[in-house]
């Protein structure tokens, strides 16, 4: 995704008063949480174990935050 689209998205969230957080996993491709993703034969789709584990931990933290209030 082009950087200018990411910037525009962030600006739209801020303008809307949204409480948001964005995590970007450098080098990770689409489907990075699916261990089978590399077998699909699609360019730009691949599993990334490090990004998968990091994103899972972030999701658990988010769920704990919203459901423990």
C-alpha atoms as a PDB file:
ATOM      1  CA  UNK A   1       0.000   0.000   0.000  1.00  0.00           C
ATOM      2  CA  UNK A   2       1.417   3.393  -0.920  1.00  0.00           C
ATOM      3  CA  UNK A   3       2.553   5.508   2.041  1.00  0.00           C
ATOM      4  CA  UNK A   4       0.294   8.394   1.015  1.00  0.00           C
ATOM      5  CA  UNK A   5      -2.777   6.133   1.367  1.00  0.00           C
ATOM      6  CA  UNK A   6      -1.687   5.166   4.882  1.00  0.00           C
ATOM      7  CA  UNK A   7      -1.220   8.845   5.777  1.00  0.00           C
ATOM      8  CA  UNK A   8      -4.650   9.711   4.344  1.00  0.00           C
ATOM      9  CA  UNK A   9      -6.252   6.883   6.321  1.00  0.00           C
ATOM     10  CA  UNK A  10      -4.624   8.070   9.559  1.00  0.00           C
ATOM     11  CA  UNK A  11      -5.777  11.623   8.889  1.00  0.00           C
ATOM     12  CA  UNK A  12      -9.344  10.433   8.280  1.00  0.00           C
ATOM     13  CA  UNK A  13      -9.340   8.503  11.560  1.00  0.00           C
ATOM     14  CA  UNK A  14      -8.028  11.530  13.439  1.00  0.00           C
ATOM     15  CA  UNK A  15     -10.590  13.800  11.778  1.00  0.00           C
ATOM     16  CA  UNK A  16     -13.327  11.397  12.849  1.00  0.00           C
ATOM     17  CA  UNK A  17     -12.166  11.463  16.467  1.00  0.00           C
ATOM     18  CA  UNK A  18     -11.489   7.743  16.400  1.00  0.00           C
ATOM     19  CA  UNK A  19      -9.391   6.086  19.127  1.00  0.00           C
ATOM     20  CA  UNK A  20      -7.107   4.008  16.948  1.00  0.00           C
ATOM     21  CA  UNK A  21      -3.834   2.137  16.859  1.00  0.00           C
ATOM     22  CA  UNK A  22      -2.028   0.807  13.807  1.00  0.00           C
ATOM     23  CA  UNK A  23       0.552  -1.964  13.764  1.00  0.00           C
ATOM     24  CA  UNK A  24       2.695  -2.398  10.679  1.00  0.00           C
ATOM     25  CA  UNK A  25       4.795  -5.533  10.402  1.00  0.00           C
ATOM     26  CA  UNK A  26       7.698  -4.714   8.110  1.00  0.00           C
ATOM     27  CA  UNK A  27       8.333  -7.299   5.444  1.00  0.00           C
ATOM     28  CA  UNK A  28       5.141  -9.220   6.185  1.00  0.00           C
ATOM     29  CA  UNK A  29       2.896 -10.029   3.235  1.00  0.00           C
ATOM     30  CA  UNK A  30      -0.840 -10.524   2.929  1.00  0.00           C
ATOM     31  CA  UNK A  31      -1.914 -13.707   4.700  1.00  0.00           C
ATOM     32  CA  UNK A  32       0.995 -13.507   7.134  1.00  0.00           C
ATOM     33  CA  UNK A  33      -0.966 -15.281   9.902  1.00  0.00           C
ATOM     34  CA  UNK A  34      -1.784 -18.329   7.764  1.00  0.00           C
ATOM     35  CA  UNK A  35       0.927 -21.022   7.834  1.00  0.00           C
ATOM     36  CA  UNK A  36      -0.426 -22.366   4.519  1.00  0.00           C
ATOM     37  CA  UNK A  37      -0.317 -18.971   2.743  1.00  0.00           C
ATOM     38  CA  UNK A  38       2.933 -19.651   0.901  1.00  0.00           C
ATOM     39  CA  UNK A  39       1.418 -22.687  -0.793  1.00  0.00           C
ATOM     40  CA  UNK A  40      -1.245 -20.733  -2.658  1.00  0.00           C
ATOM     41  CA  UNK A  41       1.151 -19.664  -5.404  1.00  0.00           C
ATOM     42  CA  UNK A  42       0.024 -16.031  -5.219  1.00  0.00           C
ATOM     43  CA  UNK A  43       2.590 -13.227  -5.370  1.00  0.00           C
ATOM     44  CA  UNK A  44       2.621 -11.124  -2.224  1.00  0.00           C
ATOM     45  CA  UNK A  45       0.974 -13.819  -0.071  1.00  0.00           C
ATOM     46  CA  UNK A  46       3.197 -15.545   2.481  1.00  0.00           C
ATOM     47  CA  UNK A  47       3.308 -16.697   6.086  1.00  0.00           C
ATOM     48  CA  UNK A  48       5.541 -14.770   8.500  1.00  0.00           C
ATOM     49  CA  UNK A  49       5.959 -16.497  11.856  1.00  0.00           C
ATOM     50  CA  UNK A  50       7.409 -13.486  13.680  1.00  0.00           C
ATOM     51  CA  UNK A  51       4.663 -11.129  12.465  1.00  0.00           C
ATOM     52  CA  UNK A  52       2.029 -13.784  13.231  1.00  0.00           C
ATOM     53  CA  UNK A  53       3.185 -14.122  16.850  1.00  0.00           C
ATOM     54  CA  UNK A  54       3.481 -10.364  17.328  1.00  0.00           C
ATOM     55  CA  UNK A  55       0.032  -9.692  15.864  1.00  0.00           C
ATOM     56  CA  UNK A  56      -1.537 -12.420  18.006  1.00  0.00           C
ATOM     57  CA  UNK A  57      -0.024 -10.925  21.170  1.00  0.00           C
ATOM     58  CA  UNK A  58      -1.290  -7.473  20.187  1.00  0.00           C
ATOM     59  CA  UNK A  59      -4.777  -8.839  19.530  1.00  0.00           C
ATOM     60  CA  UNK A  60      -4.827 -10.568  22.927  1.00  0.00           C
ATOM     61  CA  UNK A  61      -3.784  -7.323  24.596  1.00  0.00           C
ATOM     62  CA  UNK A  62      -6.520  -5.429  22.749  1.00  0.00           C
ATOM     63  CA  UNK A  63      -9.195  -7.961  23.702  1.00  0.00           C
ATOM     64  CA  UNK A  64      -8.073  -7.899  27.323  1.00  0.00           C
ATOM     65  CA  UNK A  65      -8.288  -4.109  27.303  1.00  0.00           C
ATOM     66  CA  UNK A  66     -11.788  -3.881  25.856  1.00  0.00           C
ATOM     67  CA  UNK A  67     -13.326  -6.781  27.784  1.00  0.00           C
ATOM     68  CA  UNK A  68     -11.852  -6.007  31.207  1.00  0.00           C
ATOM     69  CA  UNK A  69     -13.333  -2.528  31.566  1.00  0.00           C
END
